[in-house]
Amino acid sequence: DSATPEAVTRLVTAQNLPILNGGNLNYSHHIACRYDQAAALRKMTCETLLLQVVGDVIQKQSERAEAIRPDMKVVRMEGTVDVLEAKPDEWVGHVTDFLAYGEGQKA
């Protein structure tokens, strides 16, 4: 059986519930801004998908990651911090396409 975009969204967002329910909504953004991802990004050898929300507070970190790994497939989505819940069909579609067809190919 295949999961619906809504079911996948519930699973992914459930991973963040301790953060959201712990009263520190910006915890993941704080980590993204403090953790130097450059070395880890350079070590990666697999095809990589980066979903970026245009205008998000961590957009600069996404752009930096893209500069370090220009071979990454980058998808820019319009939305807000709740883009996963607001657009499950869109983001799950991007991930599914990427996994099914690989970077640089279209369905």
PDB file of N, CA and C in Angstrom:
ATOM      1  N   ASP A   1       0.831  -1.190   0.000  1.00  0.00           N
ATOM      2  CA  ASP A   1       0.000   0.000   0.000  1.00  0.00           C
ATOM      3  C   ASP A   1       0.869   1.244   0.000  1.00  0.00           C
ATOM      4  N   SER A   2       0.408   2.260  -0.709  1.00  0.00           N
ATOM      5  CA  SER A   2       1.145   3.518  -0.690  1.00  0.00           C
ATOM      6  C   SER A   2       0.480   4.472   0.289  1.00  0.00           C
ATOM      7  N   ALA A   3       1.275   5.264   0.929  1.00  0.00           N
ATOM      8  CA  ALA A   3       0.762   6.232   1.899  1.00  0.00           C
ATOM      9  C   ALA A   3       0.267   7.467   1.170  1.00  0.00           C
ATOM     10  N   THR A   4      -0.732   8.092   1.729  1.00  0.00           N
ATOM     11  CA  THR A   4      -1.225   9.342   1.163  1.00  0.00           C
ATOM     12  C   THR A   4      -0.295  10.475   1.580  1.00  0.00           C
ATOM     13  N   PRO A   5      -0.292  11.568   0.835  1.00  0.00           N
ATOM     14  CA  PRO A   5       0.516  12.723   1.258  1.00  0.00           C
ATOM     15  C   PRO A   5       0.166  13.190   2.671  1.00  0.00           C
ATOM     16  N   GLU A   6      -1.094  13.125   3.019  1.00  0.00           N
ATOM     17  CA  GLU A   6      -1.514  13.546   4.355  1.00  0.00           C
ATOM     18  C   GLU A   6      -0.919  12.638   5.429  1.00  0.00           C
ATOM     19  N   ALA A   7      -0.894  11.321   5.160  1.00  0.00           N
ATOM     20  CA  ALA A   7      -0.321  10.381   6.129  1.00  0.00           C
ATOM     21  C   ALA A   7       1.174  10.594   6.286  1.00  0.00           C
ATOM     22  N   VAL A   8       1.868  10.823   5.174  1.00  0.00           N
ATOM     23  CA  VAL A   8       3.306  11.087   5.236  1.00  0.00           C
ATOM     24  C   VAL A   8       3.563  12.377   6.005  1.00  0.00           C
ATOM     25  N   THR A   9       2.751  13.390   5.763  1.00  0.00           N
ATOM     26  CA  THR A   9       2.892  14.658   6.478  1.00  0.00           C
ATOM     27  C   THR A   9       2.712  14.460   7.974  1.00  0.00           C
ATOM     28  N   ARG A  10       1.706  13.687   8.370  1.00  0.00           N
ATOM     29  CA  ARG A  10       1.496  13.427   9.805  1.00  0.00           C
ATOM     30  C   ARG A  10       2.720  12.750  10.411  1.00  0.00           C
ATOM     31  N   LEU A  11       3.303  11.797   9.695  1.00  0.00           N
ATOM     32  CA  LEU A  11       4.480  11.094  10.197  1.00  0.00           C
ATOM     33  C   LEU A  11       5.667  12.038  10.343  1.00  0.00           C
ATOM     34  N   VAL A  12       5.923  12.849   9.317  1.00  0.00           N
ATOM     35  CA  VAL A  12       7.062  13.770   9.352  1.00  0.00           C
ATOM     36  C   VAL A  12       6.870  14.838  10.418  1.00  0.00           C
ATOM     37  N   THR A  13       5.695  15.424  10.480  1.00  0.00           N
ATOM     38  CA  THR A  13       5.477  16.484  11.474  1.00  0.00           C
ATOM     39  C   THR A  13       5.453  15.918  12.881  1.00  0.00           C
ATOM     40  N   ALA A  14       5.075  14.656  13.037  1.00  0.00           N
ATOM     41  CA  ALA A  14       5.097  14.048  14.367  1.00  0.00           C
ATOM     42  C   ALA A  14       6.513  14.010  14.930  1.00  0.00           C
ATOM     43  N   GLN A  15       7.504  13.935  14.056  1.00  0.00           N
ATOM     44  CA  GLN A  15       8.891  13.946  14.506  1.00  0.00           C
ATOM     45  C   GLN A  15       9.251  15.277  15.158  1.00  0.00           C
ATOM     46  N   ASN A  16       8.528  16.341  14.806  1.00  0.00           N
ATOM     47  CA  ASN A  16       8.806  17.662  15.351  1.00  0.00           C
ATOM     48  C   ASN A  16       7.909  18.039  16.530  1.00  0.00           C
ATOM     49  N   LEU A  17       6.948  17.193  16.881  1.00  0.00           N
ATOM     50  CA  LEU A  17       6.030  17.539  17.962  1.00  0.00           C
ATOM     51  C   LEU A  17       6.715  17.838  19.291  1.00  0.00           C
ATOM     52  N   PRO A  18       7.753  17.063  19.685  1.00  0.00           N
ATOM     53  CA  PRO A  18       8.412  17.438  20.944  1.00  0.00           C
ATOM     54  C   PRO A  18       8.954  18.861  20.905  1.00  0.00           C
ATOM     55  N   ILE A  19       9.437  19.291  19.766  1.00  0.00           N
ATOM     56  CA  ILE A  19       9.943  20.656  19.623  1.00  0.00           C
ATOM     57  C   ILE A  19       8.795  21.639  19.719  1.00  0.00           C
ATOM     58  N   LEU A  20       7.738  21.378  18.974  1.00  0.00           N
ATOM     59  CA  LEU A  20       6.616  22.301  18.941  1.00  0.00           C
ATOM     60  C   LEU A  20       5.897  22.348  20.275  1.00  0.00           C
ATOM     61  N   ASN A  21       5.722  21.201  20.918  1.00  0.00           N
ATOM     62  CA  ASN A  21       5.013  21.156  22.191  1.00  0.00           C
ATOM     63  C   ASN A  21       5.878  21.567  23.362  1.00  0.00           C
ATOM     64  N   GLY A  22       7.192  21.627  23.147  1.00  0.00           N
ATOM     65  CA  GLY A  22       8.089  22.000  24.225  1.00  0.00           C
ATOM     66  C   GLY A  22       8.181  23.505  24.431  1.00  0.00           C
ATOM     67  N   GLY A  23       7.448  24.262  23.644  1.00  0.00           N
ATOM     68  CA  GLY A  23       7.427  25.704  23.842  1.00  0.00           C
ATOM     69  C   GLY A  23       8.533  26.445  23.115  1.00  0.00           C
ATOM     70  N   ASN A  24       9.367  25.734  22.370  1.00  0.00           N
ATOM     71  CA  ASN A  24      10.453  26.407  21.662  1.00  0.00           C
ATOM     72  C   ASN A  24      10.311  26.155  20.173  1.00  0.00           C
ATOM     73  N   LEU A  25       9.422  26.922  19.543  1.00  0.00           N
ATOM     74  CA  LEU A  25       9.100  26.737  18.143  1.00  0.00           C
ATOM     75  C   LEU A  25      10.309  26.970  17.242  1.00  0.00           C
ATOM     76  N   ASN A  26      11.268  27.770  17.661  1.00  0.00           N
ATOM     77  CA  ASN A  26      12.409  28.105  16.820  1.00  0.00           C
ATOM     78  C   ASN A  26      13.613  27.192  17.049  1.00  0.00           C
ATOM     79  N   TYR A  27      13.430  26.121  17.803  1.00  0.00           N
ATOM     80  CA  TYR A  27      14.544  25.236  18.131  1.00  0.00           C
ATOM     81  C   TYR A  27      15.257  24.721  16.891  1.00  0.00           C
ATOM     82  N   SER A  28      14.490  24.199  15.923  1.00  0.00           N
ATOM     83  CA  SER A  28      15.131  23.649  14.733  1.00  0.00           C
ATOM     84  C   SER A  28      15.804  24.735  13.908  1.00  0.00           C
ATOM     85  N   HIS A  29      15.222  25.920  13.869  1.00  0.00           N
ATOM     86  CA  HIS A  29      15.861  27.023  13.154  1.00  0.00           C
ATOM     87  C   HIS A  29      17.142  27.447  13.859  1.00  0.00           C
ATOM     88  N   HIS A  30      17.135  27.421  15.180  1.00  0.00           N
ATOM     89  CA  HIS A  30      18.326  27.758  15.953  1.00  0.00           C
ATOM     90  C   HIS A  30      19.462  26.790  15.609  1.00  0.00           C
ATOM     91  N   ILE A  31      19.142  25.500  15.557  1.00  0.00           N
ATOM     92  CA  ILE A  31      20.158  24.503  15.214  1.00  0.00           C
ATOM     93  C   ILE A  31      20.661  24.727  13.797  1.00  0.00           C
ATOM     94  N   ALA A  32      19.746  24.987  12.871  1.00  0.00           N
ATOM     95  CA  ALA A  32      20.143  25.196  11.479  1.00  0.00           C
ATOM     96  C   ALA A  32      21.071  26.388  11.341  1.00  0.00           C
ATOM     97  N   CYS A  33      20.879  27.392  12.164  1.00  0.00           N
ATOM     98  CA  CYS A  33      21.703  28.602  12.080  1.00  0.00           C
ATOM     99  C   CYS A  33      23.034  28.435  12.801  1.00  0.00           C
ATOM    100  N   ARG A  34      23.089  27.596  13.813  1.00  0.00           N
ATOM    101  CA  ARG A  34      24.317  27.441  14.604  1.00  0.00           C
ATOM    102  C   ARG A  34      25.226  26.327  14.104  1.00  0.00           C
ATOM    103  N   TYR A  35      24.657  25.292  13.522  1.00  0.00           N
ATOM    104  CA  TYR A  35      25.427  24.130  13.090  1.00  0.00           C
ATOM    105  C   TYR A  35      26.082  24.429  11.751  1.00  0.00           C
ATOM    106  N   ASP A  36      27.384  24.243  11.676  1.00  0.00           N
ATOM    107  CA  ASP A  36      28.091  24.462  10.426  1.00  0.00           C
ATOM    108  C   ASP A  36      27.963  23.204   9.577  1.00  0.00           C
ATOM    109  N   GLN A  37      27.128  23.277   8.565  1.00  0.00           N
ATOM    110  CA  GLN A  37      26.828  22.120   7.736  1.00  0.00           C
ATOM    111  C   GLN A  37      27.834  21.902   6.605  1.00  0.00           C
ATOM    112  N   ALA A  38      28.743  22.830   6.405  1.00  0.00           N
ATOM    113  CA  ALA A  38      29.633  22.787   5.245  1.00  0.00           C
ATOM    114  C   ALA A  38      30.406  21.478   5.134  1.00  0.00           C
ATOM    115  N   ALA A  39      31.061  21.044   6.192  1.00  0.00           N
ATOM    116  CA  ALA A  39      31.872  19.828   6.131  1.00  0.00           C
ATOM    117  C   ALA A  39      31.018  18.599   5.831  1.00  0.00           C
ATOM    118  N   ALA A  40      29.873  18.508   6.481  1.00  0.00           N
ATOM    119  CA  ALA A  40      28.990  17.364   6.256  1.00  0.00           C
ATOM    120  C   ALA A  40      28.445  17.365   4.828  1.00  0.00           C
ATOM    121  N   LEU A  41      28.086  18.534   4.325  1.00  0.00           N
ATOM    122  CA  LEU A  41      27.579  18.622   2.954  1.00  0.00           C
ATOM    123  C   LEU A  41      28.632  18.195   1.939  1.00  0.00           C
ATOM    124  N   ARG A  42      29.871  18.573   2.178  1.00  0.00           N
ATOM    125  CA  ARG A  42      30.948  18.215   1.245  1.00  0.00           C
ATOM    126  C   ARG A  42      31.237  16.713   1.239  1.00  0.00           C
ATOM    127  N   LYS A  43      30.975  16.036   2.348  1.00  0.00           N
ATOM    128  CA  LYS A  43      31.227  14.600   2.445  1.00  0.00           C
ATOM    129  C   LYS A  43      30.139  13.769   1.761  1.00  0.00           C
ATOM    130  N   MET A  44      28.983  14.339   1.555  1.00  0.00           N
ATOM    131  CA  MET A  44      27.865  13.590   0.980  1.00  0.00           C
ATOM    132  C   MET A  44      28.173  13.190  -0.459  1.00  0.00           C
ATOM    133  N   THR A  45      27.863  11.949  -0.782  1.00  0.00           N
ATOM    134  CA  THR A  45      28.128  11.463  -2.131  1.00  0.00           C
ATOM    135  C   THR A  45      26.848  11.029  -2.860  1.00  0.00           C
ATOM    136  N   CYS A  46      25.741  11.065  -2.169  1.00  0.00           N
ATOM    137  CA  CYS A  46      24.491  10.632  -2.798  1.00  0.00           C
ATOM    138  C   CYS A  46      23.745  11.834  -3.390  1.00  0.00           C
ATOM    139  N   GLU A  47      22.843  11.524  -4.313  1.00  0.00           N
ATOM    140  CA  GLU A  47      21.991  12.571  -4.841  1.00  0.00           C
ATOM    141  C   GLU A  47      21.167  13.127  -3.692  1.00  0.00           C
ATOM    142  N   THR A  48      20.949  14.434  -3.708  1.00  0.00           N
ATOM    143  CA  THR A  48      20.331  15.102  -2.569  1.00  0.00           C
ATOM    144  C   THR A  48      19.251  16.057  -3.042  1.00  0.00           C
ATOM    145  N   LEU A  49      18.152  16.071  -2.298  1.00  0.00           N
ATOM    146  CA  LEU A  49      17.048  16.985  -2.555  1.00  0.00           C
ATOM    147  C   LEU A  49      16.951  17.963  -1.400  1.00  0.00           C
ATOM    148  N   LEU A  50      16.879  19.241  -1.719  1.00  0.00           N
ATOM    149  CA  LEU A  50      16.700  20.281  -0.720  1.00  0.00           C
ATOM    150  C   LEU A  50      15.381  20.977  -1.002  1.00  0.00           C
ATOM    151  N   LEU A  51      14.443  20.863  -0.080  1.00  0.00           N
ATOM    152  CA  LEU A  51      13.183  21.596  -0.179  1.00  0.00           C
ATOM    153  C   LEU A  51      13.362  22.901   0.579  1.00  0.00           C
ATOM    154  N   GLN A  52      13.132  23.988  -0.088  1.00  0.00           N
ATOM    155  CA  GLN A  52      13.342  25.311   0.500  1.00  0.00           C
ATOM    156  C   GLN A  52      12.036  26.095   0.449  1.00  0.00           C
ATOM    157  N   VAL A  53      11.666  26.692   1.564  1.00  0.00           N
ATOM    158  CA  VAL A  53      10.502  27.572   1.596  1.00  0.00           C
ATOM    159  C   VAL A  53      11.008  28.983   1.365  1.00  0.00           C
ATOM    160  N   VAL A  54      10.558  29.591   0.278  1.00  0.00           N
ATOM    161  CA  VAL A  54      10.988  30.938  -0.080  1.00  0.00           C
ATOM    162  C   VAL A  54      10.602  31.898   1.043  1.00  0.00           C
ATOM    163  N   GLY A  55      11.581  32.644   1.520  1.00  0.00           N
ATOM    164  CA  GLY A  55      11.333  33.619   2.572  1.00  0.00           C
ATOM    165  C   GLY A  55      11.423  33.064   3.982  1.00  0.00           C
ATOM    166  N   ASP A  56      11.719  31.773   4.134  1.00  0.00           N
ATOM    167  CA  ASP A  56      11.848  31.194   5.471  1.00  0.00           C
ATOM    168  C   ASP A  56      13.046  31.820   6.176  1.00  0.00           C
ATOM    169  N   VAL A  57      13.012  31.798   7.490  1.00  0.00           N
ATOM    170  CA  VAL A  57      14.099  32.416   8.252  1.00  0.00           C
ATOM    171  C   VAL A  57      15.426  31.694   8.055  1.00  0.00           C
ATOM    172  N   ILE A  58      15.401  30.464   7.564  1.00  0.00           N
ATOM    173  CA  ILE A  58      16.660  29.755   7.308  1.00  0.00           C
ATOM    174  C   ILE A  58      16.974  29.701   5.809  1.00  0.00           C
ATOM    175  N   GLN A  59      16.401  30.604   5.038  1.00  0.00           N
ATOM    176  CA  GLN A  59      16.661  30.608   3.601  1.00  0.00           C
ATOM    177  C   GLN A  59      18.140  30.828   3.303  1.00  0.00           C
ATOM    178  N   LYS A  60      18.808  31.672   4.085  1.00  0.00           N
ATOM    179  CA  LYS A  60      20.241  31.900   3.850  1.00  0.00           C
ATOM    180  C   LYS A  60      21.037  30.613   4.015  1.00  0.00           C
ATOM    181  N   GLN A  61      20.664  29.779   4.998  1.00  0.00           N
ATOM    182  CA  GLN A  61      21.360  28.512   5.191  1.00  0.00           C
ATOM    183  C   GLN A  61      21.094  27.581   4.007  1.00  0.00           C
ATOM    184  N   SER A  62      19.881  27.609   3.480  1.00  0.00           N
ATOM    185  CA  SER A  62      19.561  26.795   2.303  1.00  0.00           C
ATOM    186  C   SER A  62      20.380  27.242   1.102  1.00  0.00           C
ATOM    187  N   GLU A  63      20.492  28.542   0.922  1.00  0.00           N
ATOM    188  CA  GLU A  63      21.281  29.069  -0.192  1.00  0.00           C
ATOM    189  C   GLU A  63      22.754  28.729  -0.028  1.00  0.00           C
ATOM    190  N   ARG A  64      23.235  28.753   1.192  1.00  0.00           N
ATOM    191  CA  ARG A  64      24.630  28.378   1.456  1.00  0.00           C
ATOM    192  C   ARG A  64      24.848  26.908   1.128  1.00  0.00           C
ATOM    193  N   ALA A  65      23.902  26.069   1.523  1.00  0.00           N
ATOM    194  CA  ALA A  65      24.004  24.646   1.210  1.00  0.00           C
ATOM    195  C   ALA A  65      24.014  24.434  -0.300  1.00  0.00           C
ATOM    196  N   GLU A  66      23.191  25.169  -1.000  1.00  0.00           N
ATOM    197  CA  GLU A  66      23.135  25.064  -2.462  1.00  0.00           C
ATOM    198  C   GLU A  66      24.456  25.503  -3.096  1.00  0.00           C
ATOM    199  N   ALA A  67      25.090  26.519  -2.525  1.00  0.00           N
ATOM    200  CA  ALA A  67      26.379  26.981  -3.048  1.00  0.00           C
ATOM    201  C   ALA A  67      27.476  25.937  -2.816  1.00  0.00           C
ATOM    202  N   ILE A  68      27.413  25.264  -1.674  1.00  0.00           N
ATOM    203  CA  ILE A  68      28.398  24.231  -1.357  1.00  0.00           C
ATOM    204  C   ILE A  68      28.181  22.990  -2.210  1.00  0.00           C
ATOM    205  N   ARG A  69      26.931  22.658  -2.459  1.00  0.00           N
ATOM    206  CA  ARG A  69      26.573  21.466  -3.241  1.00  0.00           C
ATOM    207  C   ARG A  69      25.702  21.863  -4.430  1.00  0.00           C
ATOM    208  N   PRO A  70      26.294  22.483  -5.453  1.00  0.00           N
ATOM    209  CA  PRO A  70      25.501  22.919  -6.604  1.00  0.00           C
ATOM    210  C   PRO A  70      24.871  21.757  -7.381  1.00  0.00           C
ATOM    211  N   ASP A  71      25.291  20.540  -7.080  1.00  0.00           N
ATOM    212  CA  ASP A  71      24.709  19.363  -7.729  1.00  0.00           C
ATOM    213  C   ASP A  71      23.385  18.939  -7.093  1.00  0.00           C
ATOM    214  N   MET A  72      23.028  19.540  -5.966  1.00  0.00           N
ATOM    215  CA  MET A  72      21.772  19.195  -5.302  1.00  0.00           C
ATOM    216  C   MET A  72      20.585  19.614  -6.150  1.00  0.00           C
ATOM    217  N   LYS A  73      19.530  18.840  -6.059  1.00  0.00           N
ATOM    218  CA  LYS A  73      18.248  19.230  -6.649  1.00  0.00           C
ATOM    219  C   LYS A  73      17.581  20.134  -5.616  1.00  0.00           C
ATOM    220  N   VAL A  74      17.294  21.367  -5.998  1.00  0.00           N
ATOM    221  CA  VAL A  74      16.670  22.325  -5.090  1.00  0.00           C
ATOM    222  C   VAL A  74      15.270  22.636  -5.592  1.00  0.00           C
ATOM    223  N   VAL A  75      14.308  22.516  -4.707  1.00  0.00           N
ATOM    224  CA  VAL A  75      12.929  22.863  -5.020  1.00  0.00           C
ATOM    225  C   VAL A  75      12.515  23.985  -4.077  1.00  0.00           C
ATOM    226  N   ARG A  76      12.118  25.091  -4.666  1.00  0.00           N
ATOM    227  CA  ARG A  76      11.666  26.230  -3.867  1.00  0.00           C
ATOM    228  C   ARG A  76      10.143  26.236  -3.828  1.00  0.00           C
ATOM    229  N   MET A  77       9.616  26.246  -2.620  1.00  0.00           N
ATOM    230  CA  MET A  77       8.169  26.231  -2.436  1.00  0.00           C
ATOM    231  C   MET A  77       7.710  27.546  -1.816  1.00  0.00           C
ATOM    232  N   GLU A  78       6.592  28.019  -2.256  1.00  0.00           N
ATOM    233  CA  GLU A  78       5.962  29.182  -1.635  1.00  0.00           C
ATOM    234  C   GLU A  78       5.198  28.690  -0.411  1.00  0.00           C
ATOM    235  N   GLY A  79       5.256  29.448   0.655  1.00  0.00           N
ATOM    236  CA  GLY A  79       4.516  29.055   1.847  1.00  0.00           C
ATOM    237  C   GLY A  79       5.100  29.685   3.088  1.00  0.00           C
ATOM    238  N   THR A  80       4.747  29.111   4.208  1.00  0.00           N
ATOM    239  CA  THR A  80       5.236  29.574   5.503  1.00  0.00           C
ATOM    240  C   THR A  80       5.831  28.385   6.244  1.00  0.00           C
ATOM    241  N   VAL A  81       6.097  28.577   7.498  1.00  0.00           N
ATOM    242  CA  VAL A  81       6.718  27.533   8.308  1.00  0.00           C
ATOM    243  C   VAL A  81       5.861  26.263   8.334  1.00  0.00           C
ATOM    244  N   ASP A  82       4.572  26.390   8.086  1.00  0.00           N
ATOM    245  CA  ASP A  82       3.690  25.221   8.113  1.00  0.00           C
ATOM    246  C   ASP A  82       3.454  24.630   6.723  1.00  0.00           C
ATOM    247  N   VAL A  83       4.401  24.797   5.822  1.00  0.00           N
ATOM    248  CA  VAL A  83       4.232  24.338   4.445  1.00  0.00           C
ATOM    249  C   VAL A  83       3.982  22.829   4.368  1.00  0.00           C
ATOM    250  N   LEU A  84       4.537  22.068   5.283  1.00  0.00           N
ATOM    251  CA  LEU A  84       4.297  20.630   5.260  1.00  0.00           C
ATOM    252  C   LEU A  84       2.817  20.312   5.448  1.00  0.00           C
ATOM    253  N   GLU A  85       2.212  20.969   6.422  1.00  0.00           N
ATOM    254  CA  GLU A  85       0.793  20.733   6.677  1.00  0.00           C
ATOM    255  C   GLU A  85      -0.087  21.402   5.629  1.00  0.00           C
ATOM    256  N   ALA A  86       0.326  22.549   5.134  1.00  0.00           N
ATOM    257  CA  ALA A  86      -0.499  23.319   4.203  1.00  0.00           C
ATOM    258  C   ALA A  86      -0.491  22.757   2.790  1.00  0.00           C
ATOM    259  N   LYS A  87       0.612  22.135   2.380  1.00  0.00           N
ATOM    260  CA  LYS A  87       0.752  21.663   0.997  1.00  0.00           C
ATOM    261  C   LYS A  87       1.309  20.245   0.940  1.00  0.00           C
ATOM    262  N   PRO A  88       0.629  19.291   1.567  1.00  0.00           N
ATOM    263  CA  PRO A  88       1.177  17.933   1.594  1.00  0.00           C
ATOM    264  C   PRO A  88       1.333  17.327   0.206  1.00  0.00           C
ATOM    265  N   ASP A  89       0.379  17.554  -0.682  1.00  0.00           N
ATOM    266  CA  ASP A  89       0.487  16.977  -2.025  1.00  0.00           C
ATOM    267  C   ASP A  89       1.709  17.508  -2.753  1.00  0.00           C
ATOM    268  N   GLU A  90       1.990  18.798  -2.572  1.00  0.00           N
ATOM    269  CA  GLU A  90       3.113  19.409  -3.287  1.00  0.00           C
ATOM    270  C   GLU A  90       4.452  18.870  -2.801  1.00  0.00           C
ATOM    271  N   TRP A  91       4.697  18.924  -1.479  1.00  0.00           N
ATOM    272  CA  TRP A  91       6.029  18.533  -1.019  1.00  0.00           C
ATOM    273  C   TRP A  91       6.243  17.035  -1.134  1.00  0.00           C
ATOM    274  N   VAL A  92       5.215  16.245  -0.863  1.00  0.00           N
ATOM    275  CA  VAL A  92       5.354  14.798  -1.009  1.00  0.00           C
ATOM    276  C   VAL A  92       5.564  14.457  -2.484  1.00  0.00           C
ATOM    277  N   GLY A  93       4.919  15.194  -3.368  1.00  0.00           N
ATOM    278  CA  GLY A  93       5.125  14.987  -4.804  1.00  0.00           C
ATOM    279  C   GLY A  93       6.562  15.229  -5.219  1.00  0.00           C
ATOM    280  N   HIS A  94       7.157  16.299  -4.690  1.00  0.00           N
ATOM    281  CA  HIS A  94       8.567  16.584  -5.004  1.00  0.00           C
ATOM    282  C   HIS A  94       9.482  15.459  -4.507  1.00  0.00           C
ATOM    283  N   VAL A  95       9.246  14.993  -3.295  1.00  0.00           N
ATOM    284  CA  VAL A  95      10.080  13.924  -2.737  1.00  0.00           C
ATOM    285  C   VAL A  95       9.875  12.625  -3.513  1.00  0.00           C
ATOM    286  N   THR A  96       8.635  12.297  -3.814  1.00  0.00           N
ATOM    287  CA  THR A  96       8.333  11.078  -4.556  1.00  0.00           C
ATOM    288  C   THR A  96       8.967  11.104  -5.940  1.00  0.00           C
ATOM    289  N   ASP A  97       8.840  12.233  -6.632  1.00  0.00           N
ATOM    290  CA  ASP A  97       9.455  12.353  -7.954  1.00  0.00           C
ATOM    291  C   ASP A  97      10.964  12.185  -7.871  1.00  0.00           C
ATOM    292  N   PHE A  98      11.560  12.805  -6.883  1.00  0.00           N
ATOM    293  CA  PHE A  98      13.006  12.723  -6.723  1.00  0.00           C
ATOM    294  C   PHE A  98      13.449  11.283  -6.476  1.00  0.00           C
ATOM    295  N   LEU A  99      12.758  10.610  -5.591  1.00  0.00           N
ATOM    296  CA  LEU A  99      13.120   9.228  -5.270  1.00  0.00           C
ATOM    297  C   LEU A  99      12.853   8.284  -6.437  1.00  0.00           C
ATOM    298  N   ALA A 100      11.803   8.543  -7.178  1.00  0.00           N
ATOM    299  CA  ALA A 100      11.434   7.658  -8.272  1.00  0.00           C
ATOM    300  C   ALA A 100      12.299   7.845  -9.507  1.00  0.00           C
ATOM    301  N   TYR A 101      12.677   9.091  -9.776  1.00  0.00           N
ATOM    302  CA  TYR A 101      13.332   9.382 -11.047  1.00  0.00           C
ATOM    303  C   TYR A 101      14.760   9.882 -10.918  1.00  0.00           C
ATOM    304  N   GLY A 102      15.164  10.240  -9.720  1.00  0.00           N
ATOM    305  CA  GLY A 102      16.518  10.725  -9.538  1.00  0.00           C
ATOM    306  C   GLY A 102      16.655  12.200  -9.894  1.00  0.00           C
ATOM    307  N   GLU A 103      17.694  12.775  -9.438  1.00  0.00           N
ATOM    308  CA  GLU A 103      17.971  14.200  -9.664  1.00  0.00           C
ATOM    309  C   GLU A 103      18.143  14.451 -11.151  1.00  0.00           C
ATOM    310  N   GLY A 104      17.571  15.548 -11.614  1.00  0.00           N
ATOM    311  CA  GLY A 104      17.774  15.959 -12.990  1.00  0.00           C
ATOM    312  C   GLY A 104      16.822  15.337 -13.990  1.00  0.00           C
ATOM    313  N   GLN A 105      15.951  14.466 -13.547  1.00  0.00           N
ATOM    314  CA  GLN A 105      15.007  13.829 -14.462  1.00  0.00           C
ATOM    315  C   GLN A 105      13.590  14.216 -14.062  1.00  0.00           C
ATOM    316  N   LYS A 106      12.717  14.211 -15.008  1.00  0.00           N
ATOM    317  CA  LYS A 106      11.320  14.542 -14.777  1.00  0.00           C
ATOM    318  C   LYS A 106      10.447  13.321 -15.047  1.00  0.00           C
ATOM    319  N   ALA A 107       9.370  13.234 -14.318  1.00  0.00           N
ATOM    320  CA  ALA A 107       8.400  12.153 -14.535  1.00  0.00           C
ATOM    321  C   ALA A 107       7.756  12.298 -15.888  1.00  0.00           C
TER     322      ALA A 107
END
